[in-house]
Amino acid sequence: MEEPVRDSRTLAVQLRGRIADLIRQEGLKPGDRLPTEAQLTQRFRISRPALREALKLLEQDDVITVEHGRGRFVSALSAIQVDRPITVFESVTDMARHYGYVTANRVLSIAEEAPDRPVAESLRLGPADRVIRLERIRLHDDEPILYCIDYVPRGLVPGRLYDMDWSGSLMDLLERHGKRPRMSAANVSSVMLPDDAVERHGLRDFGPALLITETCFNAAGEPVNYAVDYHRGSHFTFSLTRK
């Protein structure tokens, strides 16, 4: 029986990694059946709900497949599985959690303003339309790992800006207004943080960043968010897959 999992990452993420290691160590091939839930809970000395959350992460990563009534099996895609496909659409909070980070949001600024041309074009806004600009840092253990700027059409979120809590999930806020993002189109580049952000927010140690500029759409295909996210290069690695 293995020792209980103990480190700073979330429990489900720890287990996901341990189960992936088990697949490799046991030499399981695509199509092979995973041990049962009872066997895995005993092996890792963990609760069944936590195990199921970890197995769900592996299923989302295409490492395993589920055949109802038969069990869980190693996926054919596991042989070419990459660490983290950039094709996955999810909130920044969920993405960070996938890497094992439990983030705290720090709001740096919130304002209503006229959008510049790239933002206006991405959100399909007219000359008189305005946007909400939300600037935040995501921290893990008080260390900044993400610098994020989000633009939302002002008309999607009625009410006074300063009466709202902007430290939580932006996706959840948009969902409350019936505009939750479901898909996106993104551009990726390797950059340094903007000089003004470094100076204003004390981010000199942030280092190189992977910049993902993303236009998010709701289920009806309407653009509801233009996101500019700087992922700290020392903490995130993305890969590209083609399926």
Protein backbone atom coordinates (compact mmCIF):
# COMPACT_ATOMS: atom_id res chain seq x y z
CA MET A 1 0.00 0.00 0.00
CA GLU A 2 1.35 3.40 -0.96
CA GLU A 3 1.81 6.33 1.38
CA PRO A 4 -0.95 8.96 1.48
CA VAL A 5 -0.53 11.81 -0.97
CA ARG A 6 0.79 14.96 0.72
CA ASP A 7 2.01 18.08 -1.07
CA SER A 8 0.86 21.66 -1.76
CA ARG A 9 -1.27 20.84 -4.78
CA THR A 10 -4.97 20.08 -4.72
CA LEU A 11 -5.79 16.49 -3.82
CA ALA A 12 -7.46 15.61 -7.13
CA VAL A 13 -4.49 16.92 -9.11
CA GLN A 14 -2.08 14.93 -6.94
CA LEU A 15 -4.10 11.79 -7.50
CA ARG A 16 -4.35 12.39 -11.22
CA GLY A 17 -0.58 12.41 -11.42
CA ARG A 18 -0.21 9.34 -9.24
CA ILE A 19 -2.71 7.36 -11.30
CA ALA A 20 -0.97 8.44 -14.52
CA ASP A 21 2.30 7.24 -12.97
CA LEU A 22 0.61 3.96 -12.09
CA ILE A 23 -0.44 3.47 -15.72
CA ARG A 24 3.16 3.92 -16.84
CA GLN A 25 4.72 1.86 -14.05
CA GLU A 26 2.35 -1.06 -14.60
CA GLY A 27 2.93 -0.91 -18.35
CA LEU A 28 -0.76 -0.54 -19.11
CA LYS A 29 -1.46 -0.20 -22.81
CA PRO A 30 -4.38 1.41 -24.68
CA GLY A 31 -7.43 -0.75 -24.09
CA ASP A 32 -6.19 -2.18 -20.76
CA ARG A 33 -8.56 -1.90 -17.82
CA LEU A 34 -7.64 0.29 -14.85
CA PRO A 35 -7.82 -1.15 -11.33
CA THR A 36 -11.25 -0.79 -9.73
CA GLU A 37 -12.21 2.17 -7.56
CA ALA A 38 -11.97 -0.06 -4.49
CA GLN A 39 -8.44 -1.11 -5.44
CA LEU A 40 -7.35 2.46 -6.12
CA THR A 41 -8.83 3.86 -2.91
CA GLN A 42 -6.99 1.18 -0.95
CA ARG A 43 -3.74 1.68 -2.84
CA PHE A 44 -3.69 5.46 -2.39
CA ARG A 45 -5.52 5.50 0.97
CA ILE A 46 -7.94 8.13 -0.26
CA SER A 47 -11.69 8.72 -0.26
CA ARG A 48 -13.81 7.61 -3.18
CA PRO A 49 -15.13 11.14 -4.00
CA ALA A 50 -11.56 12.47 -4.30
CA LEU A 51 -10.61 9.48 -6.45
CA ARG A 52 -13.55 10.05 -8.77
CA GLU A 53 -12.58 13.69 -9.21
CA ALA A 54 -9.05 12.64 -10.19
CA LEU A 55 -10.38 10.02 -12.60
CA LYS A 56 -12.61 12.68 -14.15
CA LEU A 57 -9.54 14.84 -14.79
CA LEU A 58 -7.82 11.91 -16.51
CA GLU A 59 -10.92 11.35 -18.61
CA GLN A 60 -10.96 15.03 -19.61
CA ASP A 61 -7.30 14.71 -20.58
CA ASP A 62 -8.12 11.69 -22.80
CA VAL A 63 -5.79 9.50 -20.75
CA ILE A 64 -8.63 7.14 -19.87
CA THR A 65 -12.07 6.32 -21.22
CA VAL A 66 -15.16 5.14 -19.35
CA GLU A 67 -17.35 2.29 -20.57
CA HIS A 68 -20.45 2.22 -18.42
CA GLY A 69 -20.99 -1.20 -16.89
CA ARG A 70 -17.47 -2.34 -17.80
CA GLY A 71 -15.06 0.04 -16.12
CA ARG A 72 -12.30 2.50 -17.01
CA PHE A 73 -9.73 1.81 -19.68
CA VAL A 74 -6.50 3.34 -20.91
CA SER A 75 -7.34 5.54 -23.90
CA ALA A 76 -5.82 5.04 -27.34
CA LEU A 77 -4.93 8.74 -27.19
CA SER A 78 -2.85 8.20 -24.06
CA ALA A 79 0.03 7.03 -26.22
CA ILE A 80 0.31 10.52 -27.70
CA GLN A 81 -0.97 12.43 -24.69
CA VAL A 82 0.68 15.78 -24.04
CA ASP A 83 0.95 17.53 -20.69
CA ARG A 84 -1.68 20.20 -21.27
CA PRO A 85 -3.38 20.83 -24.63
CA ILE A 86 -3.97 24.49 -25.32
CA THR A 87 -7.16 23.45 -27.14
CA VAL A 88 -8.91 22.94 -23.79
CA PHE A 89 -11.43 25.74 -23.10
CA GLU A 90 -11.92 26.49 -19.43
CA SER A 91 -11.82 29.36 -17.00
CA VAL A 92 -8.45 30.65 -15.84
CA THR A 93 -9.29 29.46 -12.33
CA ASP A 94 -10.03 25.93 -13.56
CA MET A 95 -6.92 25.93 -15.74
CA ALA A 96 -4.72 26.93 -12.81
CA ARG A 97 -6.38 24.29 -10.64
CA HIS A 98 -5.58 21.70 -13.31
CA TYR A 99 -1.90 22.52 -12.80
CA GLY A 100 -2.28 22.10 -9.06
CA TYR A 101 -2.51 25.78 -8.12
CA VAL A 102 -5.13 27.14 -5.75
CA THR A 103 -5.27 30.79 -6.76
CA ALA A 104 -6.40 33.92 -4.98
CA ASN A 105 -7.53 36.86 -7.11
CA ARG A 106 -6.30 40.36 -6.45
CA VAL A 107 -8.21 43.08 -8.29
CA LEU A 108 -5.81 45.77 -9.47
CA SER A 109 -8.28 48.00 -11.27
CA ILE A 110 -11.83 48.08 -12.59
CA ALA A 111 -13.07 50.73 -14.98
CA GLU A 112 -15.55 51.55 -17.72
CA GLU A 113 -13.91 52.90 -20.85
CA ALA A 114 -14.05 53.23 -24.62
CA PRO A 115 -12.39 50.16 -26.21
CA ASP A 116 -9.40 50.43 -28.48
CA ARG A 117 -9.68 49.02 -32.00
CA PRO A 118 -8.55 45.41 -31.33
CA VAL A 119 -10.95 45.07 -28.40
CA ALA A 120 -13.83 46.71 -30.28
CA GLU A 121 -13.32 44.51 -33.33
CA SER A 122 -13.01 41.34 -31.26
CA LEU A 123 -16.20 42.11 -29.31
CA ARG A 124 -18.02 43.47 -32.39
CA LEU A 125 -18.71 46.81 -30.75
CA GLY A 126 -19.88 50.04 -32.33
CA PRO A 127 -18.31 53.50 -31.99
CA ALA A 128 -20.51 54.46 -29.02
CA ASP A 129 -20.16 51.17 -27.12
CA ARG A 130 -18.10 50.90 -23.96
CA VAL A 131 -16.41 48.06 -22.11
CA ILE A 132 -15.63 47.05 -18.57
CA ARG A 133 -11.86 46.65 -18.14
CA LEU A 134 -10.90 44.31 -15.30
CA GLU A 135 -7.24 43.99 -14.32
CA ARG A 136 -6.25 41.22 -11.89
CA ILE A 137 -3.34 39.19 -10.59
CA ARG A 138 -3.76 35.51 -9.70
CA LEU A 139 -1.58 34.40 -6.80
CA HIS A 140 -0.58 30.97 -5.52
CA ASP A 141 0.90 30.98 -2.02
CA ASP A 142 1.14 34.79 -2.32
CA GLU A 143 3.26 34.46 -5.48
CA PRO A 144 1.92 36.03 -8.70
CA ILE A 145 1.55 33.41 -11.44
CA LEU A 146 -0.94 35.12 -13.77
CA TYR A 147 -1.50 38.70 -14.85
CA CYS A 148 -4.91 39.08 -16.50
CA ILE A 149 -6.87 41.81 -18.25
CA ASP A 150 -10.48 41.12 -19.24
CA TYR A 151 -12.78 43.26 -21.36
CA VAL A 152 -16.55 42.74 -21.21
CA PRO A 153 -19.15 44.71 -23.18
CA ARG A 154 -20.72 47.15 -20.73
CA GLY A 155 -24.19 46.31 -21.92
CA LEU A 156 -23.85 42.69 -20.77
CA VAL A 157 -23.41 43.59 -17.10
CA PRO A 158 -25.91 46.20 -15.89
CA GLY A 159 -25.50 47.94 -12.58
CA ARG A 160 -22.80 49.99 -10.89
CA LEU A 161 -19.30 48.52 -11.20
CA TYR A 162 -18.31 49.15 -7.61
CA ASP A 163 -21.37 47.37 -6.24
CA MET A 164 -20.13 44.07 -7.72
CA ASP A 165 -17.53 41.62 -6.47
CA TRP A 166 -14.93 41.29 -9.23
CA SER A 167 -12.58 39.03 -7.28
CA GLY A 168 -14.53 35.88 -8.10
CA SER A 169 -15.11 33.97 -11.32
CA LEU A 170 -15.84 36.18 -14.32
CA MET A 171 -17.44 33.20 -16.06
CA ASP A 172 -19.86 32.76 -13.19
CA LEU A 173 -20.70 36.47 -13.26
CA LEU A 174 -21.45 36.29 -16.99
CA GLU A 175 -23.51 33.16 -16.44
CA ARG A 176 -25.70 35.04 -13.96
CA HIS A 177 -26.51 37.37 -16.84
CA GLY A 178 -27.10 34.48 -19.28
CA LYS A 179 -23.83 35.05 -21.16
CA ARG A 180 -21.43 32.35 -19.97
CA PRO A 181 -18.58 31.69 -22.44
CA ARG A 182 -18.60 28.26 -24.07
CA MET A 183 -15.84 28.49 -26.68
CA SER A 184 -13.05 30.79 -27.76
CA ALA A 185 -10.58 31.76 -30.45
CA ALA A 186 -7.07 32.43 -29.15
CA ASN A 187 -3.65 33.67 -30.20
CA VAL A 188 -0.50 32.60 -28.37
CA SER A 189 2.88 34.29 -28.09
CA SER A 190 5.90 34.38 -25.80
CA VAL A 191 6.47 37.84 -24.29
CA MET A 192 7.58 39.82 -21.28
CA LEU A 193 5.02 41.67 -19.17
CA PRO A 194 4.27 45.25 -20.27
CA ASP A 195 6.69 47.68 -18.62
CA ASP A 196 3.90 49.74 -17.07
CA ALA A 197 2.37 46.64 -15.41
CA VAL A 198 5.78 45.62 -14.06
CA GLU A 199 6.40 49.03 -12.54
CA ARG A 200 2.89 49.71 -11.21
CA HIS A 201 2.38 46.31 -9.61
CA GLY A 202 5.90 45.28 -8.56
CA LEU A 203 6.19 42.33 -10.98
CA ARG A 204 9.89 42.57 -11.78
CA ASP A 205 10.43 38.91 -10.87
CA PHE A 206 7.58 37.62 -13.06
CA GLY A 207 9.94 36.76 -15.93
CA PRO A 208 8.98 35.55 -19.43
CA ALA A 209 5.28 34.89 -19.98
CA LEU A 210 3.10 32.91 -22.33
CA LEU A 211 0.53 35.43 -23.54
CA ILE A 212 -2.86 34.04 -24.56
CA THR A 213 -5.14 36.61 -26.15
CA GLU A 214 -8.60 35.11 -26.35
CA THR A 215 -12.05 36.10 -27.58
CA CYS A 216 -14.70 34.11 -25.75
CA PHE A 217 -18.16 33.39 -27.16
CA ASN A 218 -21.39 32.24 -25.58
CA ALA A 219 -23.45 29.33 -26.89
CA ALA A 220 -25.15 31.64 -29.41
CA GLY A 221 -21.78 32.65 -30.89
CA GLU A 222 -21.82 36.16 -29.41
CA PRO A 223 -18.48 37.54 -28.17
CA VAL A 224 -18.81 38.19 -24.44
CA ASN A 225 -15.23 38.54 -23.22
CA TYR A 226 -11.86 39.58 -24.62
CA ALA A 227 -9.13 38.21 -22.36
CA VAL A 228 -5.43 39.06 -22.25
CA ASP A 229 -3.74 36.56 -19.94
CA TYR A 230 -0.02 36.45 -19.14
CA HIS A 231 0.90 33.00 -17.78
CA ARG A 232 4.14 32.99 -15.81
CA GLY A 233 6.56 30.95 -17.91
CA SER A 234 8.16 29.23 -14.93
CA HIS A 235 4.78 27.82 -13.86
CA PHE A 236 2.88 26.89 -17.03
CA THR A 237 3.56 24.70 -20.05
CA PHE A 238 1.05 24.18 -22.85
CA SER A 239 1.15 21.80 -25.78
CA LEU A 240 -0.65 21.53 -29.07
CA THR A 241 -2.55 18.41 -30.10
CA ARG A 242 -4.43 17.49 -33.25
CA LYS A 243 -7.26 14.98 -33.02
